């Protein structure tokens, strides 16, 4: 009688551990996906800021070195 109870307890524990393993696997996958999404968003923000800086420096370089037609610097 005692062996049957122990066997049922062991089977029950095995089933509980399997459920926990599946839950933690799903949790781990969701954490990894979340971290990847956050990293992609941060890369996008940094790229956007970098491009805005690039365009600003390009517009500064686009200043003509000679005056427009009909005007002079003096």
N, C-alpha and C. Protein backbone atom coordinates (compact mmCIF):
# COMPACT_ATOMS: atom_id res chain seq x y z
N UNK A 1 0.84 -1.20 0.00
CA UNK A 1 0.00 0.00 0.00
C UNK A 1 0.87 1.25 0.00
N UNK A 2 1.91 1.23 0.81
CA UNK A 2 2.78 2.38 0.93
C UNK A 2 3.53 2.64 -0.38
N UNK A 3 3.89 1.56 -1.10
CA UNK A 3 4.61 1.71 -2.36
C UNK A 3 3.72 2.35 -3.42
N UNK A 4 2.44 2.02 -3.41
CA UNK A 4 1.52 2.61 -4.39
C UNK A 4 1.39 4.12 -4.17
N UNK A 5 1.29 4.52 -2.93
CA UNK A 5 1.16 5.94 -2.61
C UNK A 5 2.42 6.69 -3.06
N UNK A 6 3.59 6.12 -2.77
CA UNK A 6 4.84 6.75 -3.17
C UNK A 6 4.93 6.84 -4.69
N UNK A 7 4.50 5.78 -5.38
CA UNK A 7 4.56 5.78 -6.84
C UNK A 7 3.66 6.87 -7.41
N UNK A 8 2.46 7.02 -6.83
CA UNK A 8 1.54 8.06 -7.30
C UNK A 8 2.11 9.45 -7.01
N UNK A 9 2.75 9.60 -5.85
CA UNK A 9 3.35 10.90 -5.53
C UNK A 9 4.48 11.24 -6.49
N UNK A 10 5.29 10.26 -6.83
CA UNK A 10 6.40 10.48 -7.76
C UNK A 10 5.86 10.83 -9.14
N UNK A 11 4.82 10.12 -9.59
CA UNK A 11 4.21 10.44 -10.89
C UNK A 11 3.61 11.84 -10.88
N UNK A 12 2.99 12.19 -9.77
CA UNK A 12 2.40 13.53 -9.65
C UNK A 12 3.49 14.60 -9.69
N UNK A 13 4.57 14.36 -8.97
CA UNK A 13 5.69 15.31 -8.99
C UNK A 13 6.28 15.43 -10.38
N UNK A 14 6.41 14.30 -11.08
CA UNK A 14 6.94 14.32 -12.45
C UNK A 14 6.05 15.16 -13.36
N UNK A 15 4.74 15.01 -13.23
CA UNK A 15 3.82 15.79 -14.05
C UNK A 15 3.92 17.27 -13.70
N UNK A 16 4.03 17.60 -12.41
CA UNK A 16 4.16 19.00 -12.00
C UNK A 16 5.46 19.61 -12.52
N UNK A 17 6.54 18.85 -12.47
CA UNK A 17 7.81 19.36 -12.98
C UNK A 17 7.75 19.59 -14.48
N UNK A 18 7.07 18.73 -15.20
CA UNK A 18 6.93 18.90 -16.65
C UNK A 18 6.15 20.16 -16.96
N UNK A 19 5.08 20.41 -16.20
CA UNK A 19 4.29 21.64 -16.40
C UNK A 19 5.15 22.86 -16.10
N UNK A 20 5.92 22.82 -15.02
CA UNK A 20 6.78 23.94 -14.68
C UNK A 20 7.84 24.18 -15.76
N UNK A 21 8.40 23.09 -16.28
CA UNK A 21 9.40 23.23 -17.34
C UNK A 21 8.80 23.89 -18.56
N UNK A 22 7.60 23.48 -18.94
CA UNK A 22 6.94 24.08 -20.10
C UNK A 22 6.64 25.55 -19.85
N UNK A 23 6.19 25.88 -18.63
CA UNK A 23 5.91 27.28 -18.30
C UNK A 23 7.17 28.12 -18.38
N UNK A 24 8.28 27.61 -17.81
CA UNK A 24 9.51 28.39 -17.83
C UNK A 24 10.09 28.48 -19.23
N UNK A 25 9.89 27.47 -20.06
CA UNK A 25 10.35 27.55 -21.45
C UNK A 25 9.60 28.65 -22.17
N UNK A 26 8.30 28.72 -21.99
CA UNK A 26 7.52 29.79 -22.62
C UNK A 26 7.91 31.15 -22.09
N UNK A 27 8.19 31.23 -20.79
CA UNK A 27 8.60 32.50 -20.20
C UNK A 27 9.96 32.93 -20.75
N UNK A 28 10.87 31.99 -20.89
CA UNK A 28 12.19 32.29 -21.43
C UNK A 28 12.08 32.78 -22.87
N UNK A 29 11.26 32.11 -23.67
CA UNK A 29 11.07 32.53 -25.06
C UNK A 29 10.47 33.93 -25.12
N UNK A 30 9.49 34.21 -24.27
CA UNK A 30 8.88 35.54 -24.29
C UNK A 30 9.87 36.61 -23.84
N UNK A 31 10.75 36.30 -22.88
CA UNK A 31 11.78 37.26 -22.47
C UNK A 31 12.75 37.54 -23.61
N UNK A 32 13.17 36.49 -24.31
CA UNK A 32 14.10 36.66 -25.42
C UNK A 32 13.46 37.50 -26.52
N UNK A 33 12.22 37.21 -26.85
CA UNK A 33 11.52 38.00 -27.88
C UNK A 33 11.39 39.45 -27.44
N UNK A 34 11.06 39.67 -26.19
CA UNK A 34 10.93 41.04 -25.67
C UNK A 34 12.26 41.79 -25.77
N UNK A 35 13.34 41.14 -25.38
CA UNK A 35 14.65 41.79 -25.45
C UNK A 35 15.05 42.11 -26.89
N UNK A 36 14.74 41.21 -27.82
CA UNK A 36 15.05 41.47 -29.23
C UNK A 36 14.24 42.65 -29.75
N UNK A 37 12.97 42.72 -29.39
CA UNK A 37 12.12 43.84 -29.83
C UNK A 37 12.62 45.15 -29.25
N UNK A 38 12.98 45.16 -27.97
CA UNK A 38 13.50 46.38 -27.34
C UNK A 38 14.81 46.80 -28.01
N UNK A 39 15.68 45.84 -28.31
CA UNK A 39 16.95 46.15 -28.97
C UNK A 39 16.70 46.74 -30.35
N UNK A 40 15.76 46.19 -31.10
CA UNK A 40 15.46 46.72 -32.43
C UNK A 40 14.90 48.14 -32.34
N UNK A 41 14.05 48.39 -31.37
CA UNK A 41 13.51 49.75 -31.19
C UNK A 41 14.63 50.73 -30.85
N UNK A 42 15.55 50.33 -29.98
CA UNK A 42 16.65 51.22 -29.62
C UNK A 42 17.58 51.46 -30.80
N UNK A 43 17.84 50.43 -31.59
CA UNK A 43 18.66 50.61 -32.78
C UNK A 43 17.98 51.57 -33.75
N UNK A 44 16.67 51.45 -33.89
CA UNK A 44 15.92 52.38 -34.75
C UNK A 44 16.00 53.81 -34.26
N UNK A 45 15.90 54.02 -32.96
CA UNK A 45 15.98 55.37 -32.41
C UNK A 45 17.38 55.96 -32.64
N UNK A 46 18.41 55.17 -32.36
CA UNK A 46 19.79 55.64 -32.56
C UNK A 46 20.02 55.94 -34.05
N UNK A 47 19.54 55.09 -34.94
CA UNK A 47 19.71 55.32 -36.38
C UNK A 47 18.98 56.60 -36.80
N UNK A 48 17.78 56.82 -36.27
CA UNK A 48 17.01 58.02 -36.61
C UNK A 48 17.76 59.28 -36.15
N UNK A 49 18.30 59.25 -34.94
CA UNK A 49 19.05 60.41 -34.43
C UNK A 49 20.31 60.61 -35.25
N UNK A 50 20.99 59.53 -35.61
CA UNK A 50 22.21 59.62 -36.41
C UNK A 50 21.91 60.21 -37.78
N UNK A 51 20.81 59.76 -38.41
CA UNK A 51 20.45 60.29 -39.73
C UNK A 51 20.08 61.76 -39.64
N UNK A 52 19.41 62.16 -38.57
CA UNK A 52 19.06 63.57 -38.40
C UNK A 52 20.33 64.41 -38.29
N UNK A 53 21.33 63.92 -37.58
CA UNK A 53 22.61 64.61 -37.47
C UNK A 53 23.34 64.66 -38.80
N UNK A 54 23.28 63.57 -39.57
CA UNK A 54 23.92 63.54 -40.88
C UNK A 54 23.29 64.56 -41.82
N UNK A 55 21.96 64.63 -41.83
CA UNK A 55 21.28 65.57 -42.72
C UNK A 55 21.59 67.00 -42.33
N UNK A 56 21.72 67.26 -41.04
CA UNK A 56 22.04 68.61 -40.59
C UNK A 56 23.45 68.99 -41.04
N UNK A 57 24.40 68.07 -40.94
CA UNK A 57 25.76 68.38 -41.36
C UNK A 57 25.83 68.51 -42.89
N UNK A 58 25.04 67.71 -43.62
CA UNK A 58 25.02 67.83 -45.08
C UNK A 58 24.44 69.17 -45.50
N UNK A 59 23.42 69.65 -44.81
CA UNK A 59 22.84 70.93 -45.17
C UNK A 59 23.83 72.06 -44.88
N UNK A 60 24.67 71.89 -43.87
CA UNK A 60 25.70 72.89 -43.59
C UNK A 60 26.77 72.91 -44.66
N UNK A 61 27.07 71.75 -45.24
CA UNK A 61 28.06 71.69 -46.31
C UNK A 61 27.51 72.20 -47.62
N UNK A 62 26.21 72.33 -47.74
CA UNK A 62 25.60 72.72 -49.00
C UNK A 62 25.56 74.23 -49.19
N UNK A 63 26.16 74.98 -48.28
CA UNK A 63 26.19 76.44 -48.43
C UNK A 63 27.08 76.78 -49.63
N UNK A 64 26.57 77.56 -50.58
CA UNK A 64 27.39 77.87 -51.77
C UNK A 64 28.59 78.74 -51.38
N UNK A 65 29.69 78.51 -52.07
CA UNK A 65 30.91 79.25 -51.79
C UNK A 65 30.93 80.59 -52.53
N UNK A 66 30.02 80.81 -53.45
CA UNK A 66 29.96 82.07 -54.16
C UNK A 66 28.55 82.63 -54.00
N UNK A 67 28.39 83.91 -54.09
CA UNK A 67 27.06 84.50 -53.92
C UNK A 67 26.13 84.17 -55.09
N UNK A 68 24.86 84.25 -54.82
CA UNK A 68 23.88 83.99 -55.89
C UNK A 68 24.00 85.08 -56.96
N UNK A 69 23.42 84.78 -58.14
CA UNK A 69 23.50 85.71 -59.27
C UNK A 69 22.87 87.06 -58.87
N UNK A 70 23.59 88.13 -59.15
CA UNK A 70 23.10 89.47 -58.87
C UNK A 70 23.46 89.97 -57.48
N UNK A 71 24.15 89.17 -56.67
CA UNK A 71 24.54 89.59 -55.33
C UNK A 71 26.04 89.45 -55.19
N UNK A 72 26.58 90.17 -54.24
CA UNK A 72 27.99 90.04 -53.94
C UNK A 72 28.18 90.10 -52.42
N UNK A 73 29.31 89.61 -51.98
CA UNK A 73 29.59 89.62 -50.54
C UNK A 73 29.97 91.00 -50.05
N UNK A 74 30.41 91.86 -50.93
CA UNK A 74 30.85 93.21 -50.50
C UNK A 74 29.75 94.23 -50.66
